[in-house]
Protein backbone atom coordinates (compact mmCIF):
# COMPACT_ATOMS: atom_id res chain seq x y z
CA UNK A 1 -20.50 13.25 -16.19
CA UNK A 2 -21.06 16.43 -18.31
CA UNK A 3 -17.31 16.86 -18.72
CA UNK A 4 -17.05 13.18 -19.80
CA UNK A 5 -19.76 13.73 -22.46
CA UNK A 6 -18.12 16.96 -23.68
CA UNK A 7 -14.75 15.24 -24.05
CA UNK A 8 -16.35 12.35 -25.92
CA UNK A 9 -18.05 14.69 -28.37
CA UNK A 10 -14.87 16.71 -28.92
CA UNK A 11 -12.82 13.56 -29.59
CA UNK A 12 -15.44 12.18 -31.95
CA UNK A 13 -15.45 15.39 -33.98
CA UNK A 14 -11.67 15.25 -34.53
CA UNK A 15 -10.09 12.84 -37.03
CA UNK A 16 -7.89 10.20 -35.46
CA UNK A 17 -4.32 9.52 -36.72
CA UNK A 18 -26.23 -24.58 -36.03
CA UNK A 19 -26.00 -23.98 -39.71
CA UNK A 20 -22.65 -22.86 -40.99
CA UNK A 21 -22.28 -19.19 -40.08
CA UNK A 22 -22.46 -16.49 -42.71
CA UNK A 23 -19.11 -15.16 -43.88
CA UNK A 24 -17.75 -12.04 -42.25
CA UNK A 25 -18.98 -8.81 -43.82
CA UNK A 26 -16.76 -6.80 -46.12
CA UNK A 27 -14.70 -4.04 -44.53
CA UNK A 28 -16.69 -0.88 -43.84
CA UNK A 29 -14.60 1.14 -46.32
CA UNK A 30 -16.12 -0.90 -49.17
CA UNK A 31 -19.48 0.73 -48.35
CA UNK A 32 -18.14 4.26 -48.25
CA UNK A 33 -17.53 4.11 -44.49
CA UNK A 34 -14.37 4.35 -42.45
CA UNK A 35 -13.75 2.53 -39.18
CA UNK A 36 -11.83 4.99 -37.01
CA UNK A 37 -11.64 3.07 -33.73
CA UNK A 38 -12.46 -0.40 -32.47
CA UNK A 39 -12.80 -1.90 -28.99
CA UNK A 40 -12.77 -5.69 -28.58
CA UNK A 41 -13.74 -7.46 -25.34
CA UNK A 42 -12.68 -11.10 -25.71
CA UNK A 43 -13.21 -14.19 -23.62
CA UNK A 44 -10.03 -16.20 -23.04
CA UNK A 45 -9.32 -19.26 -25.18
CA UNK A 46 -9.68 -22.98 -24.53
CA UNK A 47 -8.81 -24.16 -21.01
CA UNK A 48 -9.54 -27.17 -18.80
CA UNK A 49 -12.19 -26.85 -16.11
CA UNK A 50 -11.22 -24.42 -13.36
CA UNK A 51 -10.99 -27.28 -10.87
CA UNK A 52 -10.36 -31.01 -11.02
CA UNK A 53 -12.65 -32.89 -11.15
CA UNK A 54 -14.97 -30.59 -13.06
CA UNK A 55 -17.99 -31.79 -11.06
CA UNK A 56 -18.09 -33.60 -7.70
CA UNK A 57 -17.46 -37.33 -7.55
CA UNK A 58 -20.67 -39.29 -8.01
CA UNK A 59 -22.26 -36.89 -10.49
CA UNK A 60 -20.93 -38.71 -13.55
CA UNK A 61 -20.82 -42.43 -14.23
CA UNK A 62 -17.09 -42.29 -15.05
CA UNK A 63 -14.23 -40.06 -13.97
CA UNK A 64 -13.58 -36.97 -16.05
CA UNK A 65 -10.71 -37.40 -18.57
CA UNK A 66 -7.40 -35.85 -17.51
CA UNK A 67 -5.82 -32.75 -19.03
CA UNK A 68 -2.10 -32.05 -19.38
CA UNK A 69 -2.65 -28.32 -18.69
CA UNK A 70 -3.21 -27.09 -15.11
CA UNK A 71 -6.81 -26.41 -14.10
CA UNK A 72 -8.19 -23.22 -15.60
CA UNK A 73 -5.12 -22.29 -17.65
CA UNK A 74 -4.94 -21.61 -21.39
CA UNK A 75 -3.86 -24.72 -23.31
CA UNK A 76 -1.29 -24.66 -26.14
CA UNK A 77 -4.10 -25.63 -28.52
CA UNK A 78 -6.21 -22.78 -27.15
CA UNK A 79 -3.33 -20.34 -27.67
CA UNK A 80 -2.93 -21.51 -31.27
CA UNK A 81 -6.65 -20.94 -31.94
CA UNK A 82 -6.40 -17.44 -30.47
CA UNK A 83 -3.41 -16.85 -32.75
CA UNK A 84 -5.62 -17.66 -35.75
CA UNK A 85 -7.99 -14.90 -34.63
CA UNK A 86 -5.14 -12.45 -34.14
CA UNK A 87 -3.84 -13.08 -37.67
CA UNK A 88 -7.33 -12.69 -39.13
CA UNK A 89 -8.04 -9.45 -37.27
CA UNK A 90 -4.64 -8.09 -38.31
CA UNK A 91 -5.53 -8.55 -41.98
CA UNK A 92 -8.96 -6.98 -41.41
CA UNK A 93 -7.60 -3.97 -39.52
CA UNK A 94 -4.86 -3.42 -42.10
CA UNK A 95 -7.57 -3.28 -44.80
CA UNK A 96 -9.54 -0.85 -42.65
CA UNK A 97 -6.48 1.36 -42.13
CA UNK A 98 -6.29 0.84 -38.37
CA UNK A 99 -2.89 -0.89 -38.62
CA UNK A 100 -0.01 -0.40 -41.05
CA UNK A 101 0.65 -3.19 -43.54
CA UNK A 102 4.22 -3.44 -42.26
CA UNK A 103 6.27 -2.15 -39.38
CA UNK A 104 5.20 -1.49 -35.81
CA UNK A 105 2.69 1.02 -34.51
CA UNK A 106 2.58 0.41 -30.74
CA UNK A 107 0.70 3.66 -30.07
CA UNK A 108 -2.20 2.38 -32.19
CA UNK A 109 -2.98 -0.45 -29.74
CA UNK A 110 -4.01 -0.40 -26.08
CA UNK A 111 -4.29 -3.85 -24.49
CA UNK A 112 -5.35 -4.91 -21.01
CA UNK A 113 -6.05 -8.36 -19.56
CA UNK A 114 -7.67 -9.73 -16.44
CA UNK A 115 -5.35 -10.79 -13.64
CA UNK A 116 -6.10 -14.46 -14.39
CA UNK A 117 -3.31 -16.36 -16.14
CA UNK A 118 -5.60 -17.69 -18.89
CA UNK A 119 -6.62 -14.14 -19.85
CA UNK A 120 -3.03 -12.86 -19.80
CA UNK A 121 -1.84 -15.74 -21.99
CA UNK A 122 -4.78 -15.20 -24.34
CA UNK A 123 -3.79 -11.57 -24.72
CA UNK A 124 -0.18 -12.48 -25.44
CA UNK A 125 -1.18 -15.09 -28.03
CA UNK A 126 -3.50 -12.65 -29.78
CA UNK A 127 -0.97 -9.81 -29.80
CA UNK A 128 1.83 -12.05 -31.08
CA UNK A 129 -0.24 -12.82 -34.19
CA UNK A 130 -1.74 -9.34 -34.48
CA UNK A 131 1.61 -7.52 -34.43
CA UNK A 132 4.30 -10.10 -35.29
CA UNK A 133 7.75 -8.92 -34.33
CA UNK A 134 6.41 -5.90 -32.45
CA UNK A 135 6.40 -5.51 -28.67
CA UNK A 136 2.97 -4.26 -27.63
CA UNK A 137 2.55 -3.84 -23.86
CA UNK A 138 -0.19 -5.91 -22.25
CA UNK A 139 -1.33 -4.32 -19.00
CA UNK A 140 -2.79 -6.50 -16.29
CA UNK A 141 -3.12 -6.43 -12.50
CA UNK A 142 -1.02 -8.65 -10.27
CA UNK A 143 -4.01 -10.79 -9.26
CA UNK A 144 -7.76 -11.11 -9.56
CA UNK A 145 -8.13 -9.63 -6.06
CA UNK A 146 -6.62 -6.38 -7.36
CA UNK A 147 -8.64 -6.34 -10.59
CA UNK A 148 -11.36 -3.70 -10.39
CA UNK A 149 -12.02 -3.92 -14.14
CA UNK A 150 -12.56 -7.62 -14.80
CA UNK A 151 -13.13 -8.91 -11.23
CA UNK A 152 -14.77 -5.97 -9.42
CA UNK A 153 -16.51 -8.19 -6.85
CA UNK A 154 -13.16 -9.70 -5.84
CA UNK A 155 -11.66 -6.20 -5.67
CA UNK A 156 -14.16 -4.97 -3.08
CA UNK A 157 -17.17 -3.86 -5.15
CA UNK A 158 -20.27 -3.57 -2.96
CA UNK A 159 -23.11 -5.88 -4.05
CA UNK A 160 -26.10 -6.54 -1.84
CA UNK A 161 -26.64 -10.28 -2.07
CA UNK A 162 -30.36 -10.23 -1.32
CA UNK A 163 -31.01 -7.44 -3.83
CA UNK A 164 -29.00 -9.31 -6.44
CA UNK A 165 -31.00 -12.49 -5.88
CA UNK A 166 -34.33 -10.64 -6.07
CA UNK A 167 -33.26 -8.98 -9.34
CA UNK A 168 -32.24 -12.36 -10.74
CA UNK A 169 -35.54 -14.02 -9.85
CA UNK A 170 -37.35 -11.33 -11.82
CA UNK A 171 -35.64 -12.81 -14.90
CA UNK A 172 -37.45 -16.14 -14.40
CA UNK A 173 -40.35 -17.21 -16.61
CA UNK A 174 -43.80 -18.07 -15.30
CA UNK A 175 -43.28 -21.04 -13.01
CA UNK A 176 -39.92 -19.76 -11.76
CA UNK A 177 -36.54 -21.38 -12.20
CA UNK A 178 -38.17 -24.82 -12.16
CA UNK A 179 -39.75 -23.94 -15.50
CA UNK A 180 -36.27 -23.73 -17.06
CA UNK A 181 -35.72 -27.44 -16.42
CA UNK A 182 -39.09 -28.30 -17.94
CA UNK A 183 -38.44 -26.17 -21.03
CA UNK A 184 -35.06 -27.87 -21.52
CA UNK A 185 -36.11 -31.45 -20.80
CA UNK A 186 -34.70 -32.58 -24.16
CA UNK A 187 -31.30 -31.09 -23.34
CA UNK A 188 -31.34 -32.81 -19.95
CA UNK A 189 -31.96 -36.14 -21.66
CA UNK A 190 -28.87 -35.61 -23.80
CA UNK A 191 -26.88 -34.58 -20.73
CA UNK A 192 -28.00 -37.64 -18.77
CA UNK A 193 -27.02 -39.93 -21.65
CA UNK A 194 -23.56 -38.35 -21.96
CA UNK A 195 -22.73 -38.12 -18.24
CA UNK A 196 -24.43 -41.41 -17.43
CA UNK A 197 -26.14 -39.78 -14.47
CA UNK A 198 -27.52 -36.53 -13.15
CA UNK A 199 -26.50 -34.44 -10.13
CA UNK A 200 -27.47 -35.67 -6.70
CA UNK A 201 -27.58 -39.36 -7.65
CA UNK A 202 -24.92 -41.93 -6.83
CA UNK A 203 -23.60 -43.55 -9.97
CA UNK A 204 -22.65 -46.78 -8.29
CA UNK A 205 -22.95 -50.26 -9.71
CA UNK A 206 -26.50 -51.23 -10.42
CA UNK A 207 -27.88 -47.74 -9.84
CA UNK A 208 -31.21 -47.13 -11.51
CA UNK A 209 -31.51 -44.58 -14.29
CA UNK A 210 -31.61 -41.04 -12.96
CA UNK A 211 -33.42 -37.97 -14.20
CA UNK A 212 -32.90 -34.24 -13.77
CA UNK A 213 -36.28 -33.90 -12.08
CA UNK A 214 -34.81 -35.64 -9.03
CA UNK A 215 -32.95 -32.49 -8.06
CA UNK A 216 -34.43 -28.99 -7.86
CA UNK A 217 -32.53 -25.95 -9.09
CA UNK A 218 -32.51 -22.88 -6.87
CA UNK A 219 -30.81 -19.51 -6.52
CA UNK A 220 -28.76 -18.63 -3.46
CA UNK A 221 -27.98 -15.10 -2.26
CA UNK A 222 -24.25 -14.62 -1.72
CA UNK A 223 -23.27 -11.78 0.64
CA UNK A 224 -21.31 -9.16 -1.28
CA UNK A 225 -21.48 -11.01 -4.61
CA UNK A 226 -23.73 -12.05 -7.46
CA UNK A 227 -26.26 -14.85 -6.83
CA UNK A 228 -25.28 -18.49 -7.22
CA UNK A 229 -27.40 -20.96 -9.20
CA UNK A 230 -27.43 -24.38 -7.55
CA UNK A 231 -28.77 -27.79 -8.50
CA UNK A 232 -29.32 -29.52 -11.83
CA UNK A 233 -29.11 -26.38 -14.00
CA UNK A 234 -25.75 -25.43 -12.52
CA UNK A 235 -24.37 -28.95 -12.94
CA UNK A 236 -25.64 -29.04 -16.52
CA UNK A 237 -23.92 -25.75 -17.33
CA UNK A 238 -20.57 -26.92 -15.92
CA UNK A 239 -20.76 -30.39 -17.48
CA UNK A 240 -21.80 -29.12 -20.89
CA UNK A 241 -19.07 -26.45 -20.90
CA UNK A 242 -16.43 -29.01 -19.87
CA UNK A 243 -17.41 -31.38 -22.66
CA UNK A 244 -17.34 -28.47 -25.14
CA UNK A 245 -13.77 -27.67 -24.05
CA UNK A 246 -12.73 -31.30 -24.58
CA UNK A 247 -14.08 -31.06 -28.13
CA UNK A 248 -12.41 -27.73 -28.85
CA UNK A 249 -9.11 -29.05 -27.47
CA UNK A 250 -9.22 -31.70 -30.22
CA UNK A 251 -9.32 -34.61 -27.81
CA UNK A 252 -10.16 -37.88 -29.60
CA UNK A 253 -13.92 -38.30 -29.88
CA UNK A 254 -13.57 -41.45 -27.74
CA UNK A 255 -12.65 -39.10 -24.86
CA UNK A 256 -15.08 -36.27 -25.58
CA UNK A 257 -17.99 -36.89 -23.24
CA UNK A 258 -16.63 -40.43 -22.65
CA UNK A 259 -17.26 -41.17 -26.33
CA UNK A 260 -20.99 -40.46 -25.98
CA UNK A 261 -21.14 -36.84 -27.23
CA UNK A 262 -21.41 -35.66 -30.82
CA UNK A 263 -20.96 -32.05 -31.90
CA UNK A 264 -24.75 -31.76 -32.12
CA UNK A 265 -25.09 -33.12 -28.57
CA UNK A 266 -22.61 -30.51 -27.35
CA UNK A 267 -24.58 -27.68 -28.96
CA UNK A 268 -27.70 -28.97 -27.23
CA UNK A 269 -26.04 -29.18 -23.82
CA UNK A 270 -24.62 -25.67 -24.21
CA UNK A 271 -28.11 -24.23 -23.80
CA UNK A 272 -27.55 -24.45 -20.03
CA UNK A 273 -24.57 -22.08 -20.07
CA UNK A 274 -26.49 -18.87 -20.97
CA UNK A 275 -29.27 -19.90 -18.56
CA UNK A 276 -26.74 -19.75 -15.72
CA UNK A 277 -25.62 -16.29 -16.86
CA UNK A 278 -29.22 -15.09 -17.09
CA UNK A 279 -29.63 -15.55 -13.34
CA UNK A 280 -26.12 -14.91 -12.04
CA UNK A 281 -24.66 -12.15 -14.21
CA UNK A 282 -27.15 -10.51 -16.59
CA UNK A 283 -29.81 -9.21 -14.12
CA UNK A 284 -29.76 -5.37 -14.28
CA UNK A 285 -28.71 -4.82 -10.66
CA UNK A 286 -25.79 -7.23 -11.02
CA UNK A 287 -24.77 -6.23 -14.56
CA UNK A 288 -24.85 -2.53 -13.69
CA UNK A 289 -22.19 -3.10 -11.05
CA UNK A 290 -20.04 -5.75 -12.68
CA UNK A 291 -19.92 -4.12 -16.13
CA UNK A 292 -19.54 -0.47 -15.09
CA UNK A 293 -15.71 -0.40 -15.25
CA UNK A 294 -15.72 -2.02 -18.70
CA UNK A 295 -18.47 0.28 -20.00
CA UNK A 296 -16.43 3.31 -18.95
CA UNK A 297 -13.32 1.94 -20.66
CA UNK A 298 -15.26 1.28 -23.86
CA UNK A 299 -16.65 4.83 -23.96
CA UNK A 300 -13.25 6.31 -23.21
CA UNK A 301 -11.67 4.27 -26.00
CA UNK A 302 -14.31 5.23 -28.57
CA UNK A 303 -13.92 8.88 -27.53
CA UNK A 304 -10.22 8.76 -28.35
CA UNK A 305 -8.62 8.38 -24.94
CA UNK A 306 -6.95 5.11 -25.93
CA UNK A 307 -5.33 3.60 -29.02
CA UNK A 308 -7.19 3.24 -32.30
CA UNK A 309 -7.53 -0.43 -31.31
CA UNK A 310 -8.41 -1.20 -27.69
CA UNK A 311 -8.20 -4.85 -26.64
CA UNK A 312 -9.68 -6.20 -23.41
CA UNK A 313 -9.02 -9.85 -22.54
CA UNK A 314 -11.30 -11.27 -19.88
CA UNK A 315 -13.89 -13.91 -19.20
CA UNK A 316 -17.35 -15.05 -20.24
CA UNK A 317 -18.71 -13.38 -17.09
CA UNK A 318 -17.41 -10.03 -18.36
CA UNK A 319 -19.19 -10.40 -21.70
CA UNK A 320 -22.37 -11.61 -19.99
CA UNK A 321 -22.32 -8.64 -17.60
CA UNK A 322 -21.80 -6.18 -20.46
CA UNK A 323 -24.64 -7.88 -22.32
CA UNK A 324 -26.90 -7.39 -19.32
CA UNK A 325 -25.74 -3.78 -18.87
CA UNK A 326 -26.71 -2.75 -22.41
CA UNK A 327 -29.37 -5.48 -22.91
CA UNK A 328 -27.37 -6.87 -25.83
CA UNK A 329 -28.24 -10.21 -27.40
CA UNK A 330 -26.18 -12.20 -29.90
CA UNK A 331 -25.59 -15.57 -31.50
CA UNK A 332 -21.90 -16.42 -31.84
CA UNK A 333 -21.18 -18.84 -34.69
CA UNK A 334 -22.80 -22.23 -33.93
CA UNK A 335 -23.36 -21.54 -30.21
CA UNK A 336 -26.75 -21.00 -28.54
CA UNK A 337 -28.22 -17.51 -28.26
CA UNK A 338 -26.35 -15.36 -25.72
CA UNK A 339 -23.71 -18.03 -25.15
CA UNK A 340 -20.07 -16.95 -25.19
CA UNK A 341 -17.57 -18.97 -27.19
CA UNK A 342 -14.01 -19.47 -25.97
CA UNK A 343 -12.15 -16.72 -27.82
CA UNK A 344 -15.50 -15.10 -28.62
CA UNK A 345 -15.76 -11.33 -28.42
CA UNK A 346 -18.07 -8.34 -28.33
CA UNK A 347 -16.81 -5.39 -30.32
CA UNK A 348 -17.67 -1.71 -30.68
CA UNK A 349 -16.59 0.37 -33.66
CA UNK A 350 -16.56 4.14 -34.17
CA UNK A 351 -17.46 4.56 -37.83
CA UNK A 352 -17.48 7.65 -40.06
CA UNK A 353 -20.21 7.32 -42.64
CA UNK A 354 -20.06 8.47 -46.26
CA UNK A 355 -21.97 11.58 -45.13
CA UNK A 356 -19.28 12.41 -42.55
CA UNK A 357 -21.41 11.51 -39.54
CA UNK A 358 -19.78 9.36 -36.85
CA UNK A 359 -21.61 6.60 -35.06
CA UNK A 360 -21.07 3.50 -32.89
CA UNK A 361 -21.97 0.00 -33.92
CA UNK A 362 -21.61 -3.25 -32.01
CA UNK A 363 -20.78 -6.73 -33.25
CA UNK A 364 -19.95 -10.23 -32.04
CA UNK A 365 -17.11 -12.37 -33.35
CA UNK A 366 -16.25 -16.03 -32.77
CA UNK A 367 -14.75 -19.05 -34.46
CA UNK A 368 -16.99 -22.02 -35.06
CA UNK A 369 -16.43 -25.08 -32.90
CA UNK A 370 -14.97 -26.93 -35.87
CA UNK A 371 -12.57 -24.07 -36.65
CA UNK A 372 -11.14 -24.16 -33.13
CA UNK A 373 -10.93 -27.94 -33.03
CA UNK A 374 -9.14 -28.13 -36.38
CA UNK A 375 -7.10 -24.94 -35.87
CA UNK A 376 -8.40 -23.76 -39.23
CA UNK A 377 -6.42 -20.86 -40.73
CA UNK A 378 -8.81 -17.91 -41.00
CA UNK A 379 -9.03 -15.90 -44.22
CA UNK A 380 -11.58 -13.68 -45.96
CA UNK A 381 -12.95 -16.84 -47.56
CA UNK A 382 -12.88 -18.92 -44.37
CA UNK A 383 -13.65 -16.31 -41.75
CA UNK A 384 -14.74 -16.41 -38.14
CA UNK A 385 -18.40 -15.62 -37.65
CA UNK A 386 -19.04 -11.89 -37.30
CA UNK A 387 -22.49 -10.34 -36.91
CA UNK A 388 -24.01 -7.00 -36.00
CA UNK A 389 -25.45 -6.65 -32.49
CA UNK A 390 -28.29 -4.18 -31.91
CA UNK A 391 -27.86 -1.66 -29.08
CA UNK A 392 -31.33 -1.21 -27.51
CA UNK A 393 -32.17 2.43 -26.84
CA UNK A 394 -29.89 3.62 -29.63
CA UNK A 395 -30.63 4.02 -33.35
CA UNK A 396 -29.06 1.64 -35.85
CA UNK A 397 -26.61 4.44 -36.65
CA UNK A 398 -25.96 5.28 -33.00
CA UNK A 399 -24.17 8.66 -32.63
CA UNK A 400 -21.34 8.59 -30.10
CA UNK A 401 -23.16 11.22 -28.04
CA UNK A 402 -26.20 8.93 -27.85
CA UNK A 403 -24.05 5.96 -26.87
CA UNK A 404 -22.33 8.00 -24.14
CA UNK A 405 -25.70 9.27 -22.87
CA UNK A 406 -27.10 5.73 -22.86
CA UNK A 407 -24.08 4.51 -20.89
CA UNK A 408 -24.38 7.34 -18.36
CA UNK A 409 -28.09 6.61 -17.90
CA UNK A 410 -27.39 2.92 -17.26
CA UNK A 411 -24.64 3.79 -14.77
CA UNK A 412 -26.93 5.95 -12.65
CA UNK A 413 -30.14 3.99 -13.20
CA UNK A 414 -31.85 3.11 -9.90
CA UNK A 415 -32.64 -0.55 -9.49
CA UNK A 416 -35.91 -1.73 -7.95
CA UNK A 417 -35.48 -3.76 -4.82
């Protein structure tokens, strides 16, 4: 660990070759600062649900609308939206001096994707727009089972299921997980209206109205893996996310949520998505294990052992785990707090200030729902949402040495059982 810190300090000291969101900030150079390196961890773009049907038969009044793309894969519309982000970030990074205005600079970029097809295709779509006409290698494992970076649990990472569940339950408010349903009763009412039913109730002819209170949510310990949230909260997360993806895919509004969901309804139902992550992925014991490989890659990249731009294409679980690891909190565009937009990203920049001091700062970036649905071209005037993210335990101008030390402390931090 001491050698890692020494290398990081040496590299940092050497110069390197629901309202509309606020516009993206001006490039750092405009404030007398220089961005020397950037790391971007991005969720894949728009896809159908990972299985068909999205929820079991009988949990919705009507069958889920069909998709032309295979379950869980990046759609052509999703790839086009990712391309808009790639073109925007290219213009930004050219202004910041991280990329040349013309020609190819393959050594400037390091890119790696999860072994899942949707992440690989997201990476290719982003790179095609980021470096048009240039062949930038995209590394990725052969499968998720061989992916120790983005899918460490599938690759043999040791997680004690009972310890993980106990850590997750410590995240619950007074009243336990049941209190989450009470606090989000208004969102459940919207969900019940859109789906025509709630989990655990048959939606047959003449069935009486059903309510979320009819099914309890609970957390299950999974041997060797993170805990699994079951019941109404889990159903609500999956259903809300599926309806969001229909909207982003630009399906006709008559198909989005069976014609019963507005954009405002979708934002309301999305509150369930970060609740699921709070119990399954963000608890310290779980996040410490799932995010460790990514945290090490981020520190290595900021310390100069990667390209000036390091791109990591993964999943919402990866961003949630990293958020839990560093206790980061964000609001991406018009999504709920701590939710993760398709194509949304967490970024880390190594910045040299006007005084010559170098420090790390974090940010989130995401397109609005309307921008993805309409495939809006992104420019400085019509930008994706970009906002600073505080790094708890580190000053606002967080020296690289402090960020490395914070990361090391989190990696070796004992977790109460």
